[in-house]
Protein backbone atom coordinates (compact mmCIF):
# COMPACT_ATOMS: atom_id res chain seq x y z
CA UNK A 1 13.06 -14.84 -10.02
CA UNK A 2 16.32 -13.54 -8.67
CA UNK A 3 15.50 -11.84 -5.38
CA UNK A 4 19.11 -10.66 -5.06
CA UNK A 5 18.13 -7.89 -7.52
CA UNK A 6 15.99 -6.32 -4.82
CA UNK A 7 17.42 -3.57 -2.64
CA UNK A 8 16.30 -2.79 0.89
CA UNK A 9 14.10 -0.04 -0.52
CA UNK A 10 12.50 -2.52 -2.93
CA UNK A 11 11.73 -4.82 -0.02
CA UNK A 12 10.07 -1.94 1.82
CA UNK A 13 7.84 -1.17 -1.16
CA UNK A 14 7.17 -4.74 -2.30
CA UNK A 15 7.01 -6.52 1.03
CA UNK A 16 5.19 -3.68 2.75
CA UNK A 17 2.77 -3.47 -0.18
CA UNK A 18 1.98 -7.18 -0.09
CA UNK A 19 1.42 -7.03 3.67
CA UNK A 20 -0.79 -3.95 3.22
CA UNK A 21 -2.88 -5.82 0.65
CA UNK A 22 -3.33 -8.72 3.08
CA UNK A 23 -4.19 -6.24 5.84
CA UNK A 24 -6.84 -4.52 3.73
CA UNK A 25 -8.45 -7.82 2.75
CA UNK A 26 -8.24 -9.91 5.91
CA UNK A 27 -7.46 -8.08 9.16
CA UNK A 28 -10.11 -6.41 11.34
CA UNK A 29 -10.17 -2.64 10.87
CA UNK A 30 -13.28 -1.95 12.89
CA UNK A 31 -14.54 -3.84 15.89
CA UNK A 32 -17.82 -3.40 17.74
CA UNK A 33 -18.84 -5.43 20.78
CA UNK A 34 -22.28 -5.63 22.30
CA UNK A 35 -23.45 -8.02 24.96
CA UNK A 36 -20.59 -10.47 24.38
CA UNK A 37 -20.94 -10.47 20.58
CA UNK A 38 -18.19 -8.88 18.51
CA UNK A 39 -18.53 -7.82 14.88
CA UNK A 40 -15.54 -6.81 12.77
CA UNK A 41 -15.01 -5.30 9.33
CA UNK A 42 -11.95 -5.32 7.08
CA UNK A 43 -10.29 -2.37 5.35
CA UNK A 44 -12.32 -2.96 2.21
CA UNK A 45 -15.57 -3.30 4.15
CA UNK A 46 -17.99 -0.72 5.51
CA UNK A 47 -17.84 2.03 6.62
CA UNK A 48 -16.11 3.88 3.79
CA UNK A 49 -15.44 0.76 1.76
CA UNK A 50 -14.72 2.72 -1.43
CA UNK A 51 -11.61 4.28 0.11
CA UNK A 52 -10.27 0.89 1.17
CA UNK A 53 -10.97 -0.64 -2.24
CA UNK A 54 -9.25 2.26 -4.01
CA UNK A 55 -6.25 1.99 -1.65
CA UNK A 56 -6.12 -1.74 -2.44
CA UNK A 57 -6.14 -1.14 -6.20
CA UNK A 58 -3.44 1.54 -6.03
CA UNK A 59 -1.26 -0.61 -3.75
CA UNK A 60 -1.61 -3.52 -6.17
CA UNK A 61 -0.47 -1.23 -8.99
CA UNK A 62 2.57 -0.11 -6.97
CA UNK A 63 3.64 -3.68 -6.19
CA UNK A 64 3.10 -4.88 -9.77
CA UNK A 65 5.01 -1.90 -11.19
CA UNK A 66 7.95 -2.56 -8.87
CA UNK A 67 7.97 -6.26 -9.79
CA UNK A 68 7.96 -5.43 -13.50
CA UNK A 69 10.70 -2.84 -13.08
CA UNK A 70 13.00 -5.20 -11.19
CA UNK A 71 12.29 -8.58 -12.80
CA UNK A 72 11.39 -7.53 -16.34
CA UNK A 73 13.09 -4.16 -16.98
CA UNK A 74 12.52 -4.37 -20.75
CA UNK A 75 8.75 -4.30 -20.25
CA UNK A 76 7.43 -0.89 -21.26
CA UNK A 77 4.46 0.43 -19.33
CA UNK A 78 2.87 3.88 -19.35
CA UNK A 79 4.36 6.35 -16.89
CA UNK A 80 4.56 10.09 -16.36
CA UNK A 81 7.31 12.45 -17.53
CA UNK A 82 8.96 11.98 -14.15
CA UNK A 83 9.83 8.31 -14.69
CA UNK A 84 8.72 5.08 -13.08
CA UNK A 85 10.22 5.61 -9.64
CA UNK A 86 8.61 9.02 -9.09
CA UNK A 87 5.34 7.76 -10.55
CA UNK A 88 5.49 4.83 -8.11
CA UNK A 89 6.17 7.33 -5.29
CA UNK A 90 3.11 9.36 -6.31
CA UNK A 91 0.97 6.21 -6.39
CA UNK A 92 2.24 5.15 -2.94
CA UNK A 93 1.38 8.64 -1.67
CA UNK A 94 -2.10 8.32 -3.17
CA UNK A 95 -2.60 4.94 -1.46
CA UNK A 96 -1.59 6.45 1.88
CA UNK A 97 -3.92 9.42 1.30
CA UNK A 98 -6.78 7.00 0.63
CA UNK A 99 -6.03 5.25 3.96
CA UNK A 100 -6.18 8.62 5.72
CA UNK A 101 -9.50 9.45 4.01
CA UNK A 102 -10.87 6.08 5.18
CA UNK A 103 -9.75 6.99 8.70
CA UNK A 104 -11.50 10.36 8.49
CA UNK A 105 -14.66 8.70 7.19
CA UNK A 106 -15.06 6.76 10.45
CA UNK A 107 -12.94 7.71 13.45
CA UNK A 108 -13.88 5.19 16.12
CA UNK A 109 -13.91 1.49 17.02
CA UNK A 110 -10.60 0.74 15.27
CA UNK A 111 -9.18 -2.76 15.30
CA UNK A 112 -5.50 -3.64 15.09
CA UNK A 113 -5.69 -3.98 11.29
CA UNK A 114 -6.18 -0.24 10.96
CA UNK A 115 -3.10 0.63 13.00
CA UNK A 116 -1.02 -1.92 11.14
CA UNK A 117 -2.25 -0.54 7.80
CA UNK A 118 -1.13 2.98 8.69
CA UNK A 119 2.33 1.67 9.61
CA UNK A 120 2.53 -0.41 6.42
CA UNK A 121 1.33 2.53 4.33
CA UNK A 122 4.16 4.62 5.76
CA UNK A 123 6.65 1.81 5.09
CA UNK A 124 5.58 1.59 1.42
CA UNK A 125 5.69 5.36 1.09
CA UNK A 126 9.15 5.58 2.69
CA UNK A 127 10.47 2.78 0.49
CA UNK A 128 9.11 4.45 -2.64
CA UNK A 129 10.66 7.75 -1.57
CA UNK A 130 14.04 6.10 -0.93
CA UNK A 131 13.81 4.36 -4.32
CA UNK A 132 13.15 7.67 -6.05
CA UNK A 133 16.11 9.27 -4.26
CA UNK A 134 18.65 6.55 -5.04
CA UNK A 135 21.29 7.22 -7.68
CA UNK A 136 20.62 3.85 -9.35
CA UNK A 137 16.92 4.55 -9.83
CA UNK A 138 15.44 3.10 -13.00
CA UNK A 139 13.73 5.65 -15.21
């Protein structure tokens, strides 16, 4: 793997996406304390676990698509009429929307994993947008 092929925008999408996946699986999104006992739940856990799981799946698809586009450009995968970069942007937007829906499903007791996930979701979305706007975008 030649990482010199990756632009700053690619690092935002790929690196931010990988960190978002880790966040969804491992960091505490919700935290409840009672009488000295603290219980936490991850982004893919309850409440609203379906939204976290869907965001995880879409983020995985975004990262895998970017990796295939940069490291194996001859690989043909299904896309929309708009091309791979705009399709990746739409998928990143969907992942961020799913994070917002998870937020709206339960709006209290947030742990630091939630706040980090929102920032990482915006980073992935911004990187995908910058990729779609670049003049060297792969279609």
